Amino acid sequence: MESLWIDNPAELFTKETWTKFVPTSSMDVPTAMNAIVRFTVYISVVLFLAKKETYYLLAIPLVLFLTVLAVKLFPHPRSLESFKDKVTSVMKDYTYPSSMNPFMNPLLTDILDNPDRPEAAPVTSKEVKKQIEESFKKTSDLYMDTSDKFDLAQGMRTFHTIQSGLIPNDQDGFLKFLAKGVDEPDHSSAFPARRAKEKSEGYVEAMGSTKSLPNSTSKPAGVTPAGTAK
């Protein structure tokens, strides 16, 4: 650390300081101002010797005044506000595609070797889709089809990523997803709004049908064919 040149002018050009003419972020305010003064002196002298114009030397007293003013106004360095990406802190860990498991599904070996594996990365992500395709191409020695002209795209149709890749699977969460909204209060006056999800995903009898109508397993009724015993 240095004191400002106005407090100790002799410290401005010493064996230890004359090479420090470029201010850096690690310097305190007086040291950085001294570096600016040195740079101004060096460049002004070089321009004066090259151009033979005295007005280049006028930059030196101007910069000296500005450095003193800057130290008076800003005695301490300002710390730049840094924005932390909160998304990375809350981002969930995922299992990503690999050549051994392109679709990130739980393997039988994971039950013992990796029971705490994270769930599969969302396949709706473009980056994850690209990783799946690249990882699947590395399995060409197993699924190679010489007639496949679409980079094994036809062979990929046989495989998919299951909904829950946890061990054990998150069956409770899946059931809650299916029943989402069933027990919520219905504020709509439209009839289909209530239990609409349940009606769309469950078995519903066709409109106009009654239980008294015969079905496919009922005993056939009608005229007995000729020549057969009743």
C-alpha atoms as a PDB file:
ATOM      1  CA  MET A   1       0.000   0.000   0.000  1.00  0.00           C
ATOM      2  CA  GLU A   2       1.121   3.518  -0.791  1.00  0.00           C
ATOM      3  CA  SER A   3       0.141   6.901   0.483  1.00  0.00           C
ATOM      4  CA  LEU A   4      -1.150   9.398  -2.041  1.00  0.00           C
ATOM      5  CA  TRP A   5       1.529  11.321  -3.905  1.00  0.00           C
ATOM      6  CA  ILE A   6       0.496  14.624  -2.294  1.00  0.00           C
ATOM      7  CA  ASP A   7       1.274  13.214   1.161  1.00  0.00           C
ATOM      8  CA  ASN A   8       4.639  11.748   0.147  1.00  0.00           C
ATOM      9  CA  PRO A   9       5.835  12.923  -3.298  1.00  0.00           C
ATOM     10  CA  ALA A  10       9.166  11.090  -2.942  1.00  0.00           C
ATOM     11  CA  GLU A  11       7.349   7.764  -2.895  1.00  0.00           C
ATOM     12  CA  LEU A  12       5.953   8.352  -6.372  1.00  0.00           C
ATOM     13  CA  PHE A  13       9.174   7.305  -8.151  1.00  0.00           C
ATOM     14  CA  THR A  14      11.270   4.784  -6.259  1.00  0.00           C
ATOM     15  CA  LYS A  15      12.882   1.482  -7.165  1.00  0.00           C
ATOM     16  CA  GLU A  16       9.839  -0.339  -5.872  1.00  0.00           C
ATOM     17  CA  THR A  17       7.129   1.880  -7.356  1.00  0.00           C
ATOM     18  CA  TRP A  18       8.288   3.327 -10.700  1.00  0.00           C
ATOM     19  CA  THR A  19       7.157   0.210 -12.594  1.00  0.00           C
ATOM     20  CA  LYS A  20       3.646   0.338 -11.117  1.00  0.00           C
ATOM     21  CA  PHE A  21       1.967   2.553 -13.698  1.00  0.00           C
ATOM     22  CA  VAL A  22      -1.054   0.380 -14.500  1.00  0.00           C
ATOM     23  CA  PRO A  23      -3.857   0.421 -11.886  1.00  0.00           C
ATOM     24  CA  THR A  24      -5.324  -2.954 -10.980  1.00  0.00           C
ATOM     25  CA  SER A  25      -8.346  -4.099  -9.008  1.00  0.00           C
ATOM     26  CA  SER A  26      -6.130  -5.370  -6.180  1.00  0.00           C
ATOM     27  CA  MET A  27      -4.761  -1.874  -5.450  1.00  0.00           C
ATOM     28  CA  ASP A  28      -6.230   0.453  -2.869  1.00  0.00           C
ATOM     29  CA  VAL A  29      -7.376   3.923  -3.966  1.00  0.00           C
ATOM     30  CA  PRO A  30      -4.145   5.900  -3.226  1.00  0.00           C
ATOM     31  CA  THR A  31      -1.962   3.256  -4.887  1.00  0.00           C
ATOM     32  CA  ALA A  32      -4.189   3.208  -7.967  1.00  0.00           C
ATOM     33  CA  MET A  33      -4.133   7.023  -8.196  1.00  0.00           C
ATOM     34  CA  ASN A  34      -0.337   7.003  -7.970  1.00  0.00           C
ATOM     35  CA  ALA A  35      -0.235   4.480 -10.806  1.00  0.00           C
ATOM     36  CA  ILE A  36      -2.394   6.782 -12.940  1.00  0.00           C
ATOM     37  CA  VAL A  37      -0.078   9.702 -12.204  1.00  0.00           C
ATOM     38  CA  ARG A  38       2.985   7.689 -13.231  1.00  0.00           C
ATOM     39  CA  PHE A  39       1.313   6.588 -16.454  1.00  0.00           C
ATOM     40  CA  THR A  40       0.363  10.201 -17.234  1.00  0.00           C
ATOM     41  CA  VAL A  41       3.896  11.418 -16.589  1.00  0.00           C
ATOM     42  CA  TYR A  42       5.408   8.696 -18.777  1.00  0.00           C
ATOM     43  CA  ILE A  43       3.052   9.175 -21.712  1.00  0.00           C
ATOM     44  CA  SER A  44       3.216  12.990 -21.524  1.00  0.00           C
ATOM     45  CA  VAL A  45       7.007  13.012 -21.563  1.00  0.00           C
ATOM     46  CA  VAL A  46       7.130  10.561 -24.468  1.00  0.00           C
ATOM     47  CA  LEU A  47       4.664  12.645 -26.508  1.00  0.00           C
ATOM     48  CA  PHE A  48       6.529  15.857 -25.661  1.00  0.00           C
ATOM     49  CA  LEU A  49       9.831  14.389 -26.834  1.00  0.00           C
ATOM     50  CA  ALA A  50       8.233  12.973 -29.971  1.00  0.00           C
ATOM     51  CA  LYS A  51       6.074  15.950 -31.001  1.00  0.00           C
ATOM     52  CA  LYS A  52       7.991  18.823 -29.381  1.00  0.00           C
ATOM     53  CA  GLU A  53       4.669  20.238 -28.212  1.00  0.00           C
ATOM     54  CA  THR A  54       4.553  21.597 -24.668  1.00  0.00           C
ATOM     55  CA  TYR A  55       0.810  21.275 -24.256  1.00  0.00           C
ATOM     56  CA  TYR A  56       1.234  17.519 -23.769  1.00  0.00           C
ATOM     57  CA  LEU A  57       2.836  18.336 -20.417  1.00  0.00           C
ATOM     58  CA  LEU A  58      -0.334  20.121 -19.300  1.00  0.00           C
ATOM     59  CA  ALA A  59      -1.929  16.726 -18.751  1.00  0.00           C
ATOM     60  CA  ILE A  60       0.322  16.138 -15.730  1.00  0.00           C
ATOM     61  CA  PRO A  61      -1.035  18.901 -13.433  1.00  0.00           C
ATOM     62  CA  LEU A  62      -4.561  18.161 -14.613  1.00  0.00           C
ATOM     63  CA  VAL A  63      -4.277  14.497 -13.633  1.00  0.00           C
ATOM     64  CA  LEU A  64      -2.617  15.423 -10.337  1.00  0.00           C
ATOM     65  CA  PHE A  65      -5.608  17.574  -9.444  1.00  0.00           C
ATOM     66  CA  LEU A  66      -8.115  14.916 -10.521  1.00  0.00           C
ATOM     67  CA  THR A  67      -6.410  12.191  -8.473  1.00  0.00           C
ATOM     68  CA  VAL A  68      -6.529  14.301  -5.314  1.00  0.00           C
ATOM     69  CA  LEU A  69     -10.188  15.070  -5.965  1.00  0.00           C
ATOM     70  CA  ALA A  70     -10.961  11.386  -6.563  1.00  0.00           C
ATOM     71  CA  VAL A  71      -9.363  10.334  -3.279  1.00  0.00           C
ATOM     72  CA  LYS A  72     -11.306  13.004  -1.390  1.00  0.00           C
ATOM     73  CA  LEU A  73     -14.608  11.890  -2.928  1.00  0.00           C
ATOM     74  CA  PHE A  74     -13.962   8.133  -2.923  1.00  0.00           C
ATOM     75  CA  PRO A  75     -11.497   7.274  -0.143  1.00  0.00           C
ATOM     76  CA  HIS A  76     -12.438   3.594  -0.236  1.00  0.00           C
ATOM     77  CA  PRO A  77     -12.710   1.334  -3.283  1.00  0.00           C
ATOM     78  CA  ARG A  78     -16.214   0.493  -4.358  1.00  0.00           C
ATOM     79  CA  SER A  79     -17.099  -3.161  -4.435  1.00  0.00           C
ATOM     80  CA  LEU A  80     -19.073  -4.125  -7.496  1.00  0.00           C
ATOM     81  CA  GLU A  81     -22.366  -5.780  -6.706  1.00  0.00           C
ATOM     82  CA  SER A  82     -22.291  -9.381  -7.726  1.00  0.00           C
ATOM     83  CA  PHE A  83     -25.432 -11.267  -8.613  1.00  0.00           C
ATOM     84  CA  LYS A  84     -25.442 -14.887  -7.591  1.00  0.00           C
ATOM     85  CA  ASP A  85     -27.355 -17.246  -9.761  1.00  0.00           C
ATOM     86  CA  LYS A  86     -29.948 -18.608  -7.366  1.00  0.00           C
ATOM     87  CA  VAL A  87     -31.116 -21.051 -10.011  1.00  0.00           C
ATOM     88  CA  THR A  88     -27.937 -23.105  -9.698  1.00  0.00           C
ATOM     89  CA  SER A  89     -28.365 -23.363  -5.934  1.00  0.00           C
ATOM     90  CA  VAL A  90     -31.865 -24.797  -6.206  1.00  0.00           C
ATOM     91  CA  MET A  91     -31.306 -26.753  -9.396  1.00  0.00           C
ATOM     92  CA  LYS A  92     -31.937 -30.430  -8.872  1.00  0.00           C
ATOM     93  CA  ASP A  93     -29.352 -33.058  -9.609  1.00  0.00           C
ATOM     94  CA  TYR A  94     -30.263 -35.290 -12.499  1.00  0.00           C
ATOM     95  CA  THR A  95     -29.032 -38.480 -14.088  1.00  0.00           C
ATOM     96  CA  TYR A  96     -27.878 -37.583 -17.583  1.00  0.00           C
ATOM     97  CA  PRO A  97     -27.571 -39.777 -20.683  1.00  0.00           C
ATOM     98  CA  SER A  98     -24.470 -41.909 -21.104  1.00  0.00           C
ATOM     99  CA  SER A  99     -23.308 -44.544 -23.533  1.00  0.00           C
ATOM    100  CA  MET A 100     -24.144 -47.208 -20.946  1.00  0.00           C
ATOM    101  CA  ASN A 101     -27.607 -45.774 -20.259  1.00  0.00           C
ATOM    102  CA  PRO A 102     -28.746 -43.364 -22.989  1.00  0.00           C
ATOM    103  CA  PHE A 103     -32.305 -43.041 -21.675  1.00  0.00           C
ATOM    104  CA  MET A 104     -31.338 -42.611 -18.008  1.00  0.00           C
ATOM    105  CA  ASN A 105     -33.617 -45.402 -16.796  1.00  0.00           C
ATOM    106  CA  PRO A 106     -32.791 -47.199 -13.523  1.00  0.00           C
ATOM    107  CA  LEU A 107     -30.795 -50.365 -14.124  1.00  0.00           C
ATOM    108  CA  LEU A 108     -30.895 -53.551 -12.122  1.00  0.00           C
ATOM    109  CA  THR A 109     -27.337 -52.884 -11.018  1.00  0.00           C
ATOM    110  CA  ASP A 110     -28.410 -49.508  -9.631  1.00  0.00           C
ATOM    111  CA  ILE A 111     -30.514 -51.171  -6.938  1.00  0.00           C
ATOM    112  CA  LEU A 112     -27.361 -52.217  -5.088  1.00  0.00           C
ATOM    113  CA  ASP A 113     -24.630 -50.089  -6.632  1.00  0.00           C
ATOM    114  CA  ASN A 114     -26.423 -46.749  -6.922  1.00  0.00           C
ATOM    115  CA  PRO A 115     -29.668 -46.744  -4.905  1.00  0.00           C
ATOM    116  CA  ASP A 116     -29.554 -42.963  -4.354  1.00  0.00           C
ATOM    117  CA  ARG A 117     -29.287 -42.074  -8.019  1.00  0.00           C
ATOM    118  CA  PRO A 118     -31.096 -38.853  -9.022  1.00  0.00           C
ATOM    119  CA  GLU A 119     -34.087 -38.955 -11.294  1.00  0.00           C
ATOM    120  CA  ALA A 120     -33.653 -38.698 -15.045  1.00  0.00           C
ATOM    121  CA  ALA A 121     -33.092 -35.305 -16.613  1.00  0.00           C
ATOM    122  CA  PRO A 122     -36.176 -33.825 -18.324  1.00  0.00           C
ATOM    123  CA  VAL A 123     -36.351 -35.188 -21.854  1.00  0.00           C
ATOM    124  CA  THR A 124     -38.214 -32.061 -22.966  1.00  0.00           C
ATOM    125  CA  SER A 125     -34.944 -30.134 -22.793  1.00  0.00           C
ATOM    126  CA  LYS A 126     -33.267 -29.683 -26.174  1.00  0.00           C
ATOM    127  CA  GLU A 127     -29.850 -30.199 -24.628  1.00  0.00           C
ATOM    128  CA  VAL A 128     -30.934 -33.465 -22.997  1.00  0.00           C
ATOM    129  CA  LYS A 129     -32.457 -34.676 -26.274  1.00  0.00           C
ATOM    130  CA  LYS A 130     -29.166 -33.993 -28.009  1.00  0.00           C
ATOM    131  CA  GLN A 131     -27.278 -35.910 -25.323  1.00  0.00           C
ATOM    132  CA  ILE A 132     -29.675 -38.854 -25.678  1.00  0.00           C
ATOM    133  CA  GLU A 133     -29.095 -39.009 -29.439  1.00  0.00           C
ATOM    134  CA  GLU A 134     -25.326 -38.753 -29.079  1.00  0.00           C
ATOM    135  CA  SER A 135     -25.256 -41.388 -26.332  1.00  0.00           C
ATOM    136  CA  PHE A 136     -27.477 -43.728 -28.323  1.00  0.00           C
ATOM    137  CA  LYS A 137     -25.181 -43.462 -31.341  1.00  0.00           C
ATOM    138  CA  LYS A 138     -22.367 -44.825 -29.191  1.00  0.00           C
ATOM    139  CA  THR A 139     -24.361 -48.048 -28.787  1.00  0.00           C
ATOM    140  CA  SER A 140     -24.273 -48.739 -32.531  1.00  0.00           C
ATOM    141  CA  ASP A 141     -22.291 -51.918 -31.902  1.00  0.00           C
ATOM    142  CA  LEU A 142     -25.393 -53.328 -30.164  1.00  0.00           C
ATOM    143  CA  TYR A 143     -28.232 -51.813 -32.150  1.00  0.00           C
ATOM    144  CA  MET A 144     -26.577 -51.300 -35.522  1.00  0.00           C
ATOM    145  CA  ASP A 145     -28.952 -51.541 -38.445  1.00  0.00           C
ATOM    146  CA  THR A 146     -27.328 -51.269 -41.856  1.00  0.00           C
ATOM    147  CA  SER A 147     -30.642 -50.209 -43.377  1.00  0.00           C
ATOM    148  CA  ASP A 148     -31.075 -47.330 -40.938  1.00  0.00           C
ATOM    149  CA  LYS A 149     -30.348 -44.114 -42.798  1.00  0.00           C
ATOM    150  CA  PHE A 150     -31.495 -41.743 -40.083  1.00  0.00           C
ATOM    151  CA  ASP A 151     -28.629 -41.971 -37.549  1.00  0.00           C
ATOM    152  CA  LEU A 152     -30.262 -44.810 -35.598  1.00  0.00           C
ATOM    153  CA  ALA A 153     -33.428 -42.726 -35.195  1.00  0.00           C
ATOM    154  CA  GLN A 154     -35.582 -45.698 -36.151  1.00  0.00           C
ATOM    155  CA  GLY A 155     -33.917 -47.879 -33.536  1.00  0.00           C
ATOM    156  CA  MET A 156     -34.569 -45.262 -30.850  1.00  0.00           C
ATOM    157  CA  ARG A 157     -38.319 -45.685 -31.232  1.00  0.00           C
ATOM    158  CA  THR A 158     -38.129 -48.911 -29.235  1.00  0.00           C
ATOM    159  CA  PHE A 159     -36.869 -47.137 -26.116  1.00  0.00           C
ATOM    160  CA  HIS A 160     -38.140 -44.340 -23.920  1.00  0.00           C
ATOM    161  CA  THR A 161     -37.459 -42.754 -20.541  1.00  0.00           C
ATOM    162  CA  ILE A 162     -39.815 -43.921 -17.804  1.00  0.00           C
ATOM    163  CA  GLN A 163     -41.668 -41.408 -15.646  1.00  0.00           C
ATOM    164  CA  SER A 164     -39.854 -42.119 -12.383  1.00  0.00           C
ATOM    165  CA  GLY A 165     -36.186 -42.990 -12.361  1.00  0.00           C
ATOM    166  CA  LEU A 166     -35.810 -43.156  -8.596  1.00  0.00           C
ATOM    167  CA  ILE A 167     -35.109 -46.257  -6.522  1.00  0.00           C
ATOM    168  CA  PRO A 168     -37.720 -47.125  -5.378  1.00  0.00           C
ATOM    169  CA  ASN A 169     -39.946 -45.356  -7.842  1.00  0.00           C
ATOM    170  CA  ASP A 170     -42.007 -42.396  -6.717  1.00  0.00           C
ATOM    171  CA  GLN A 171     -45.384 -44.101  -6.915  1.00  0.00           C
ATOM    172  CA  ASP A 172     -46.965 -41.775  -4.355  1.00  0.00           C
ATOM    173  CA  GLY A 173     -45.964 -38.729  -6.367  1.00  0.00           C
ATOM    174  CA  PHE A 174     -47.334 -40.295  -9.536  1.00  0.00           C
ATOM    175  CA  LEU A 175     -50.682 -41.020  -7.854  1.00  0.00           C
ATOM    176  CA  LYS A 176     -50.862 -37.467  -6.544  1.00  0.00           C
ATOM    177  CA  PHE A 177     -50.256 -36.215 -10.070  1.00  0.00           C
ATOM    178  CA  LEU A 178     -53.090 -38.340 -11.434  1.00  0.00           C
ATOM    179  CA  ALA A 179     -55.465 -37.151  -8.723  1.00  0.00           C
ATOM    180  CA  LYS A 180     -54.391 -33.526  -8.958  1.00  0.00           C
ATOM    181  CA  GLY A 181     -57.399 -31.255  -8.831  1.00  0.00           C
ATOM    182  CA  VAL A 182     -59.947 -33.931  -7.905  1.00  0.00           C
ATOM    183  CA  ASP A 183     -60.476 -32.705  -4.345  1.00  0.00           C
ATOM    184  CA  GLU A 184     -60.164 -29.018  -5.152  1.00  0.00           C
ATOM    185  CA  PRO A 185     -63.330 -26.900  -4.787  1.00  0.00           C
ATOM    186  CA  ASP A 186     -65.177 -26.332  -8.036  1.00  0.00           C
ATOM    187  CA  HIS A 187     -66.195 -22.710  -8.571  1.00  0.00           C
ATOM    188  CA  SER A 188     -67.502 -23.251 -12.077  1.00  0.00           C
ATOM    189  CA  SER A 189     -71.186 -23.617 -12.926  1.00  0.00           C
ATOM    190  CA  ALA A 190     -70.445 -25.800 -15.938  1.00  0.00           C
ATOM    191  CA  PHE A 191     -71.334 -29.441 -15.337  1.00  0.00           C
ATOM    192  CA  PRO A 192     -68.248 -31.028 -16.949  1.00  0.00           C
ATOM    193  CA  ALA A 193     -65.938 -28.970 -14.775  1.00  0.00           C
ATOM    194  CA  ARG A 194     -66.538 -31.064 -11.666  1.00  0.00           C
ATOM    195  CA  ARG A 195     -64.789 -34.413 -11.794  1.00  0.00           C
ATOM    196  CA  ALA A 196     -63.832 -33.688 -15.390  1.00  0.00           C
ATOM    197  CA  LYS A 197     -60.360 -35.196 -14.958  1.00  0.00           C
ATOM    198  CA  GLU A 198     -61.780 -38.270 -13.276  1.00  0.00           C
ATOM    199  CA  LYS A 199     -64.319 -38.759 -16.066  1.00  0.00           C
ATOM    200  CA  SER A 200     -61.716 -38.334 -18.770  1.00  0.00           C
ATOM    201  CA  GLU A 201     -59.225 -40.784 -17.258  1.00  0.00           C
ATOM    202  CA  GLY A 202     -61.606 -43.373 -15.783  1.00  0.00           C
ATOM    203  CA  TYR A 203     -64.216 -45.681 -17.208  1.00  0.00           C
ATOM    204  CA  VAL A 204     -67.465 -43.931 -18.068  1.00  0.00           C
ATOM    205  CA  GLU A 205     -70.516 -45.673 -19.497  1.00  0.00           C
ATOM    206  CA  ALA A 206     -71.599 -44.475 -22.885  1.00  0.00           C
ATOM    207  CA  MET A 207     -74.434 -41.983 -22.946  1.00  0.00           C
ATOM    208  CA  GLY A 208     -77.829 -43.705 -23.379  1.00  0.00           C
ATOM    209  CA  SER A 209     -76.672 -47.135 -22.256  1.00  0.00           C
ATOM    210  CA  THR A 210     -78.418 -48.992 -19.437  1.00  0.00           C
ATOM    211  CA  LYS A 211     -77.399 -51.948 -17.382  1.00  0.00           C
ATOM    212  CA  SER A 212     -80.408 -53.925 -18.653  1.00  0.00           C
ATOM    213  CA  LEU A 213     -79.103 -54.024 -22.205  1.00  0.00           C
ATOM    214  CA  PRO A 214     -77.339 -57.258 -23.218  1.00  0.00           C
ATOM    215  CA  ASN A 215     -73.585 -57.276 -23.505  1.00  0.00           C
ATOM    216  CA  SER A 216     -71.151 -59.421 -25.446  1.00  0.00           C
ATOM    217  CA  THR A 217     -71.277 -62.238 -22.864  1.00  0.00           C
ATOM    218  CA  SER A 218     -75.056 -62.493 -22.603  1.00  0.00           C
ATOM    219  CA  LYS A 219     -76.770 -65.668 -23.750  1.00  0.00           C
ATOM    220  CA  PRO A 220     -77.809 -65.247 -27.382  1.00  0.00           C
ATOM    221  CA  ALA A 221     -81.539 -65.035 -28.009  1.00  0.00           C
ATOM    222  CA  GLY A 222     -83.400 -65.777 -31.233  1.00  0.00           C
ATOM    223  CA  VAL A 223     -84.738 -68.537 -33.445  1.00  0.00           C
ATOM    224  CA  THR A 224     -83.052 -71.908 -33.129  1.00  0.00           C
ATOM    225  CA  PRO A 225     -81.485 -72.938 -36.438  1.00  0.00           C
ATOM    226  CA  ALA A 226     -83.360 -75.648 -38.350  1.00  0.00           C
ATOM    227  CA  GLY A 227     -82.178 -79.189 -37.835  1.00  0.00           C
ATOM    228  CA  THR A 228     -80.717 -78.584 -34.364  1.00  0.00           C
ATOM    229  CA  ALA A 229     -82.109 -79.904 -31.125  1.00  0.00           C
ATOM    230  CA  LYS A 230     -83.618 -77.460 -28.698  1.00  0.00           C
END
